[in-house]
Amino acid sequence: MPAQTNSSLPESLEVGGYRIVKKISSGGFSIVYLATDEQGNSVAIKEYMPAALAQRKPGELAPYIAPENLNTYRIGLKCFFEEGRALASIYHPNIVRVINFFRANETVYMVMHYESGRSLQEHVLRNRNKDQKDVLSERFIRRVFAQVMNGLREVHSNRLLHLDVKPANVYLRMDGTPILLDFGAARQTLQRDISKTYPMYTPGFAAPELYKRDAELGPWTDVYSIGSCVYACMSGMPPQESDHRLKEDKMPTALRSFRGLYSNQLISMVERCLRLNSLERPQTVFAVQKELLQNVPERPEFSMAERTGARWRNLQERVTRFMKDHNITWF
């Protein structure tokens, strides 16, 4: 069943001591706004608004929840609130800073520090269309994800999982340092506990265990997503969805196309992070980060001719996948 599209809060509305400036983004689980506090400082406010359970029409503030969805809605609201409280206790330069959370309009709002920049997804899309050997350089990938994993280690040390690591949730400040956004633990709790809600994972970046109700989740689940993000930075598109890979795994071929563009060590690391069997992946973020930082190649492993051939193979792979995904055929 398609998700219900909910109306956002109107601009200039005051809620919880904050004034709404505009909607930044919306998804199946929440709506995010740019707002200002009483001192005029910019903040981002995330509103709990699961589209499968709640409906809000234009001009209304509180959502309508059908009686049969009310208990499910309240479970998700409680998880969202608890997640906000847990994140508020974490202060780390690579984790979004939660500065407040409050109840209003029969839902919950999470207030976060706002910074200028753009998402890693936007950065990938901008560079994907440029005439260059690779989408993002190996040096950039290693630098950014080493910092992302610093933040993720802090999350795991607080007995939390992110469960929605993807380029759209990695935000690059103006100085290039990354911040992890939009944790998915609350929505995943909702999905696992209540069978009627539709899946809230992101295809391509979700580990196969996220597709199962009773699978054991852990740091290795976020490790899969890290591997998917690195792959997206290398290819310019998400990897094959993990549930599809169980039927026909195309990732080994896709990864081989990167030879000559990226070091064998980086390609091998991504391959291990993306293994379908969770026991075969690195079990901690630290293990991945250590490899990312320690095994940096000192010089190119391939000749110019080999790199040119690799670029051509990579381009062919990307075009073929695009055409297949969009049902395009040659004439």
Protein backbone atom coordinates (compact mmCIF):
# COMPACT_ATOMS: atom_id res chain seq x y z
CA MET A 1 0.00 0.00 0.00
CA PRO A 2 1.48 3.41 -0.91
CA ALA A 3 2.40 5.77 1.90
CA GLN A 4 -0.03 8.53 2.79
CA THR A 5 1.32 12.00 2.00
CA ASN A 6 0.95 14.25 5.03
CA SER A 7 0.77 18.02 5.04
CA SER A 8 3.66 19.78 6.71
CA LEU A 9 3.32 22.40 9.42
CA PRO A 10 2.72 25.90 8.02
CA GLU A 11 5.58 28.38 7.77
CA SER A 12 5.84 30.90 10.65
CA LEU A 13 3.94 28.57 13.01
CA GLU A 14 5.28 28.63 16.58
CA VAL A 15 5.54 25.23 18.22
CA GLY A 16 7.36 24.40 21.44
CA GLY A 17 9.05 27.80 21.50
CA TYR A 18 10.37 27.47 17.94
CA ARG A 19 9.16 29.16 14.76
CA ILE A 20 8.89 27.05 11.60
CA VAL A 21 10.77 28.53 8.63
CA LYS A 22 10.20 25.82 6.01
CA LYS A 23 10.06 22.08 5.43
CA ILE A 24 13.47 20.58 4.63
CA SER A 25 12.48 17.00 3.86
CA SER A 26 9.88 14.33 4.50
CA GLY A 27 9.72 10.56 4.39
CA GLY A 28 7.63 7.64 5.46
CA PHE A 29 8.46 8.12 9.12
CA SER A 30 8.99 11.82 9.79
CA ILE A 31 9.05 15.40 8.51
CA VAL A 32 12.07 17.66 9.05
CA TYR A 33 11.82 21.45 9.28
CA LEU A 34 14.18 24.39 9.40
CA ALA A 35 13.17 26.57 12.35
CA THR A 36 14.50 29.30 14.64
CA ASP A 37 14.62 29.41 18.42
CA GLU A 38 13.74 32.39 20.63
CA GLN A 39 17.21 33.90 20.08
CA GLY A 40 16.91 33.59 16.30
CA ASN A 41 19.33 30.67 16.00
CA SER A 42 18.61 28.13 13.26
CA VAL A 43 17.65 24.60 14.30
CA ALA A 44 16.35 21.50 12.53
CA ILE A 45 13.18 19.96 13.96
CA LYS A 46 12.20 16.38 13.21
CA GLU A 47 8.51 15.60 13.65
CA TYR A 48 7.29 12.04 14.30
CA MET A 49 4.73 11.47 11.54
CA PRO A 50 4.57 7.85 10.28
CA ALA A 51 2.71 8.09 7.00
CA ALA A 52 1.30 4.57 7.22
CA LEU A 53 -0.43 5.32 10.52
CA ALA A 54 -1.20 9.04 10.70
CA GLN A 55 -2.95 11.43 8.33
CA ARG A 56 -2.73 15.21 8.53
CA LYS A 57 -4.69 17.39 6.13
CA PRO A 58 -3.83 20.96 5.08
CA GLY A 59 -4.71 23.48 7.78
CA GLU A 60 -4.60 20.92 10.59
CA LEU A 61 -1.87 20.54 13.24
CA ALA A 62 -2.68 17.25 14.93
CA PRO A 63 -2.82 14.11 12.78
CA TYR A 64 -5.79 11.80 12.54
CA ILE A 65 -5.00 8.26 13.69
CA ALA A 66 -7.57 5.57 12.98
CA PRO A 67 -8.59 3.62 16.12
CA GLU A 68 -7.03 0.42 14.78
CA ASN A 69 -3.67 2.22 14.33
CA LEU A 70 -3.62 4.07 17.64
CA ASN A 71 -1.69 1.49 19.67
CA THR A 72 0.91 1.07 16.93
CA TYR A 73 1.27 4.84 16.62
CA ARG A 74 1.85 5.19 20.36
CA ILE A 75 4.50 2.47 20.39
CA GLY A 76 6.42 4.26 17.64
CA LEU A 77 5.98 7.61 19.40
CA LYS A 78 7.44 6.18 22.61
CA CYS A 79 10.41 4.71 20.70
CA PHE A 80 11.00 8.01 18.91
CA PHE A 81 10.93 9.91 22.21
CA GLU A 82 13.31 7.46 23.90
CA GLU A 83 15.68 7.62 20.93
CA GLY A 84 15.72 11.41 21.13
CA ARG A 85 16.49 11.26 24.82
CA ALA A 86 19.34 8.80 24.24
CA LEU A 87 20.82 10.90 21.42
CA ALA A 88 20.63 14.03 23.56
CA SER A 89 23.15 12.41 25.91
CA ILE A 90 25.69 11.93 23.09
CA TYR A 91 28.01 14.81 22.29
CA HIS A 92 30.31 13.93 19.40
CA PRO A 93 31.55 16.02 16.46
CA ASN A 94 30.37 13.41 13.94
CA ILE A 95 26.88 12.87 15.40
CA VAL A 96 23.98 15.27 14.96
CA ARG A 97 23.52 17.21 18.19
CA VAL A 98 20.05 16.78 19.72
CA ILE A 99 19.42 19.83 21.88
CA ASN A 100 15.78 19.40 22.87
CA PHE A 101 12.68 17.27 22.38
CA PHE A 102 9.08 18.01 23.26
CA ARG A 103 5.47 16.91 22.79
CA ALA A 104 2.90 18.96 20.86
CA ASN A 105 0.09 18.42 18.37
CA GLU A 106 -0.34 14.83 19.62
CA THR A 107 3.13 13.88 18.44
CA VAL A 108 6.82 14.34 19.40
CA TYR A 109 9.47 16.73 18.04
CA MET A 110 13.24 16.31 18.15
CA VAL A 111 15.24 19.56 17.97
CA MET A 112 18.71 19.35 16.46
CA HIS A 113 21.59 21.71 15.86
CA TYR A 114 21.50 23.03 12.29
CA GLU A 115 24.60 23.54 10.16
CA SER A 116 25.13 24.67 6.58
CA GLY A 117 26.39 22.13 4.09
CA ARG A 118 24.97 19.33 1.96
CA SER A 119 24.35 15.62 2.19
CA LEU A 120 26.81 13.05 0.92
CA GLN A 121 24.07 11.95 -1.46
CA GLU A 122 24.00 15.40 -3.05
CA HIS A 123 27.80 15.37 -3.26
CA VAL A 124 27.77 11.99 -5.01
CA LEU A 125 25.09 13.08 -7.49
CA ARG A 126 27.01 16.26 -8.34
CA ASN A 127 30.20 14.35 -9.00
CA ARG A 128 28.55 11.42 -10.77
CA ASN A 129 27.87 13.51 -13.85
CA LYS A 130 31.37 14.91 -14.15
CA ASP A 131 33.86 13.61 -16.69
CA GLN A 132 36.32 12.05 -14.28
CA LYS A 133 37.92 8.71 -13.57
CA ASP A 134 35.90 7.94 -10.47
CA VAL A 135 32.83 9.36 -8.73
CA LEU A 136 34.64 10.26 -5.52
CA SER A 137 38.34 9.81 -4.88
CA GLU A 138 39.67 7.09 -2.62
CA ARG A 139 41.36 9.74 -0.48
CA PHE A 140 37.99 11.48 0.05
CA ILE A 141 36.21 8.19 0.83
CA ARG A 142 38.80 7.14 3.39
CA ARG A 143 38.84 10.53 5.10
CA VAL A 144 35.08 10.95 5.34
CA PHE A 145 34.22 7.41 6.41
CA ALA A 146 36.98 7.25 9.00
CA GLN A 147 35.18 10.17 10.69
CA VAL A 148 31.71 8.73 10.10
CA MET A 149 32.84 5.57 11.87
CA ASN A 150 34.17 7.61 14.78
CA GLY A 151 30.61 8.78 15.31
CA LEU A 152 29.12 5.36 14.73
CA ARG A 153 31.47 3.82 17.31
CA GLU A 154 30.19 6.35 19.83
CA VAL A 155 26.62 5.38 19.00
CA HIS A 156 27.36 1.68 19.45
CA SER A 157 29.18 2.31 22.72
CA ASN A 158 25.91 3.80 24.01
CA ARG A 159 24.06 0.58 23.15
CA LEU A 160 22.34 2.16 20.16
CA LEU A 161 22.27 1.19 16.51
CA HIS A 162 21.78 3.60 13.63
CA LEU A 163 20.02 1.18 11.21
CA ASP A 164 19.65 3.73 8.43
CA VAL A 165 23.18 4.69 7.40
CA LYS A 166 23.02 5.95 3.81
CA PRO A 167 24.49 8.89 1.86
CA ALA A 168 21.36 10.96 2.48
CA ASN A 169 21.98 10.62 6.23
CA VAL A 170 25.64 11.63 6.10
CA TYR A 171 25.80 15.42 6.13
CA LEU A 172 28.93 17.27 5.05
CA ARG A 173 29.63 20.52 6.87
CA MET A 174 31.08 23.43 4.92
CA ASP A 175 34.57 22.36 6.06
CA GLY A 176 33.96 18.84 4.73
CA THR A 177 33.62 17.03 8.06
CA PRO A 178 30.70 14.57 8.18
CA ILE A 179 27.78 14.27 10.61
CA LEU A 180 25.51 11.25 10.97
CA LEU A 181 21.81 12.18 10.81
CA ASP A 182 18.36 10.61 11.09
CA PHE A 183 18.75 7.51 13.19
CA GLY A 184 16.44 4.66 12.22
CA ALA A 185 16.31 2.61 15.43
CA ALA A 186 12.86 3.88 16.41
CA ARG A 187 11.32 3.15 13.03
CA GLN A 188 12.97 -0.26 12.98
CA THR A 189 11.48 -1.06 16.38
CA LEU A 190 8.10 -0.12 14.98
CA GLN A 191 8.61 -2.35 11.95
CA ARG A 192 9.86 -5.35 13.93
CA ASP A 193 7.20 -5.21 16.62
CA ILE A 194 4.17 -4.47 14.50
CA SER A 195 3.53 -6.66 11.47
CA LYS A 196 1.06 -4.33 9.78
CA THR A 197 3.48 -1.45 9.14
CA TYR A 198 5.26 -1.40 5.81
CA PRO A 199 9.07 -1.74 5.71
CA MET A 200 10.99 1.40 6.62
CA TYR A 201 14.46 0.39 5.45
CA THR A 202 16.25 1.97 2.48
CA PRO A 203 16.70 -0.46 -0.44
CA GLY A 204 20.35 -0.94 -1.40
CA PHE A 205 21.66 0.24 1.96
CA ALA A 206 19.76 -2.17 4.22
CA ALA A 207 21.35 -5.41 5.38
CA PRO A 208 19.41 -8.60 4.60
CA GLU A 209 18.56 -9.10 8.28
CA LEU A 210 16.49 -5.91 8.18
CA TYR A 211 14.09 -7.66 5.84
CA LYS A 212 13.31 -10.31 8.49
CA ARG A 213 11.15 -9.80 11.55
CA ASP A 214 13.12 -11.95 13.99
CA ALA A 215 16.70 -11.59 12.74
CA GLU A 216 19.35 -10.53 15.22
CA LEU A 217 20.56 -6.98 14.63
CA GLY A 218 23.88 -5.60 15.80
CA PRO A 219 26.87 -3.46 14.83
CA TRP A 220 27.35 -5.79 11.83
CA THR A 221 24.02 -4.47 10.49
CA ASP A 222 25.42 -0.92 10.38
CA VAL A 223 28.66 -2.33 8.91
CA TYR A 224 26.68 -3.56 5.89
CA SER A 225 25.29 -0.06 5.41
CA ILE A 226 28.78 1.46 5.64
CA GLY A 227 29.91 -0.88 2.86
CA SER A 228 26.88 0.16 0.81
CA CYS A 229 27.69 3.85 1.29
CA VAL A 230 31.30 3.40 0.21
CA TYR A 231 30.09 1.47 -2.83
CA ALA A 232 27.71 4.34 -3.70
CA CYS A 233 30.63 6.78 -3.48
CA MET A 234 32.59 4.58 -5.90
CA SER A 235 29.80 3.85 -8.40
CA GLY A 236 27.45 6.82 -8.09
CA MET A 237 24.47 4.57 -7.33
CA PRO A 238 23.28 2.22 -4.56
CA PRO A 239 24.36 -1.42 -4.61
CA GLN A 240 21.96 -4.16 -5.58
CA GLU A 241 19.24 -4.65 -2.96
CA SER A 242 20.21 -7.35 -0.48
CA ASP A 243 16.96 -9.32 -0.85
CA HIS A 244 17.53 -9.44 -4.62
CA ARG A 245 21.09 -10.57 -4.05
CA LEU A 246 19.81 -13.67 -2.27
CA LYS A 247 18.29 -14.75 -5.61
CA GLU A 248 20.98 -13.51 -8.00
CA ASP A 249 24.03 -11.79 -6.58
CA LYS A 250 25.49 -9.28 -9.06
CA MET A 251 27.78 -7.55 -6.58
CA PRO A 252 30.95 -9.60 -7.22
CA THR A 253 30.88 -8.52 -10.88
CA ALA A 254 30.10 -4.92 -9.94
CA LEU A 255 33.00 -4.79 -7.48
CA ARG A 256 35.45 -6.22 -10.01
CA SER A 257 34.66 -3.28 -12.32
CA PHE A 258 36.37 -0.97 -9.80
CA ARG A 259 39.79 -2.58 -10.26
CA GLY A 260 42.17 0.10 -11.46
CA LEU A 261 39.98 2.90 -10.11
CA TYR A 262 40.38 2.03 -6.44
CA SER A 263 42.89 0.00 -4.45
CA ASN A 264 42.39 -3.74 -4.09
CA GLN A 265 42.35 -3.23 -0.34
CA LEU A 266 39.40 -0.81 -0.44
CA ILE A 267 37.45 -3.03 -2.85
CA SER A 268 38.10 -6.06 -0.62
CA MET A 269 36.96 -4.16 2.46
CA VAL A 270 33.68 -3.21 0.76
CA GLU A 271 33.15 -6.81 -0.37
CA ARG A 272 33.49 -8.10 3.20
CA CYS A 273 31.17 -5.42 4.59
CA LEU A 274 28.54 -6.40 2.01
CA ARG A 275 28.50 -10.11 2.69
CA LEU A 276 24.97 -11.44 3.01
CA ASN A 277 25.83 -13.69 5.94
CA SER A 278 26.19 -11.33 8.90
CA LEU A 279 28.72 -13.64 10.58
CA GLU A 280 31.09 -13.22 7.63
CA ARG A 281 31.17 -9.42 7.90
CA PRO A 282 33.43 -7.44 10.23
CA GLN A 283 31.58 -7.57 13.54
CA THR A 284 32.50 -4.09 14.72
CA VAL A 285 32.85 -0.67 13.15
CA PHE A 286 36.29 -0.40 14.72
CA ALA A 287 37.53 -3.36 12.66
CA VAL A 288 36.46 -1.63 9.46
CA GLN A 289 37.82 1.73 10.53
CA LYS A 290 41.17 0.24 11.49
CA GLU A 291 41.55 -1.29 8.04
CA LEU A 292 40.48 1.94 6.37
CA LEU A 293 43.14 3.92 8.22
CA GLN A 294 46.02 1.45 8.25
CA ASN A 295 46.16 0.01 4.76
CA VAL A 296 46.35 3.13 2.64
CA PRO A 297 48.21 2.39 -0.62
CA GLU A 298 51.27 4.62 -1.06
CA ARG A 299 51.11 4.74 -4.87
CA PRO A 300 48.78 3.64 -7.68
CA GLU A 301 48.65 -0.12 -8.18
CA PHE A 302 47.87 0.09 -11.90
CA SER A 303 49.27 1.67 -15.04
CA MET A 304 47.51 4.46 -16.92
CA ALA A 305 46.31 1.98 -19.57
CA GLU A 306 44.87 -0.31 -16.90
CA ARG A 307 43.12 2.60 -15.20
CA THR A 308 41.65 3.79 -18.51
CA GLY A 309 40.30 0.30 -19.17
CA ALA A 310 38.82 0.16 -15.67
CA ARG A 311 37.08 3.50 -16.17
CA TRP A 312 35.49 2.21 -19.37
CA ARG A 313 34.33 -1.03 -17.73
CA ASN A 314 32.90 0.93 -14.80
CA LEU A 315 31.03 3.27 -17.14
CA GLN A 316 29.61 0.33 -19.10
CA GLU A 317 28.44 -1.30 -15.85
CA ARG A 318 26.72 1.90 -14.69
CA VAL A 319 24.99 2.44 -18.05
CA THR A 320 23.84 -1.19 -18.22
CA ARG A 321 22.39 -1.07 -14.70
CA PHE A 322 20.66 2.25 -15.38
CA MET A 323 19.06 0.94 -18.57
CA LYS A 324 17.90 -2.25 -16.90
CA ASP A 325 16.48 -0.41 -13.88
CA HIS A 326 14.53 1.92 -16.18
CA ASN A 327 13.52 -0.74 -18.74
CA ILE A 328 15.48 1.01 -21.51
CA THR A 329 16.59 -1.00 -24.53
CA TRP A 330 18.93 -0.19 -27.41
CA PHE A 331 17.37 0.41 -30.84
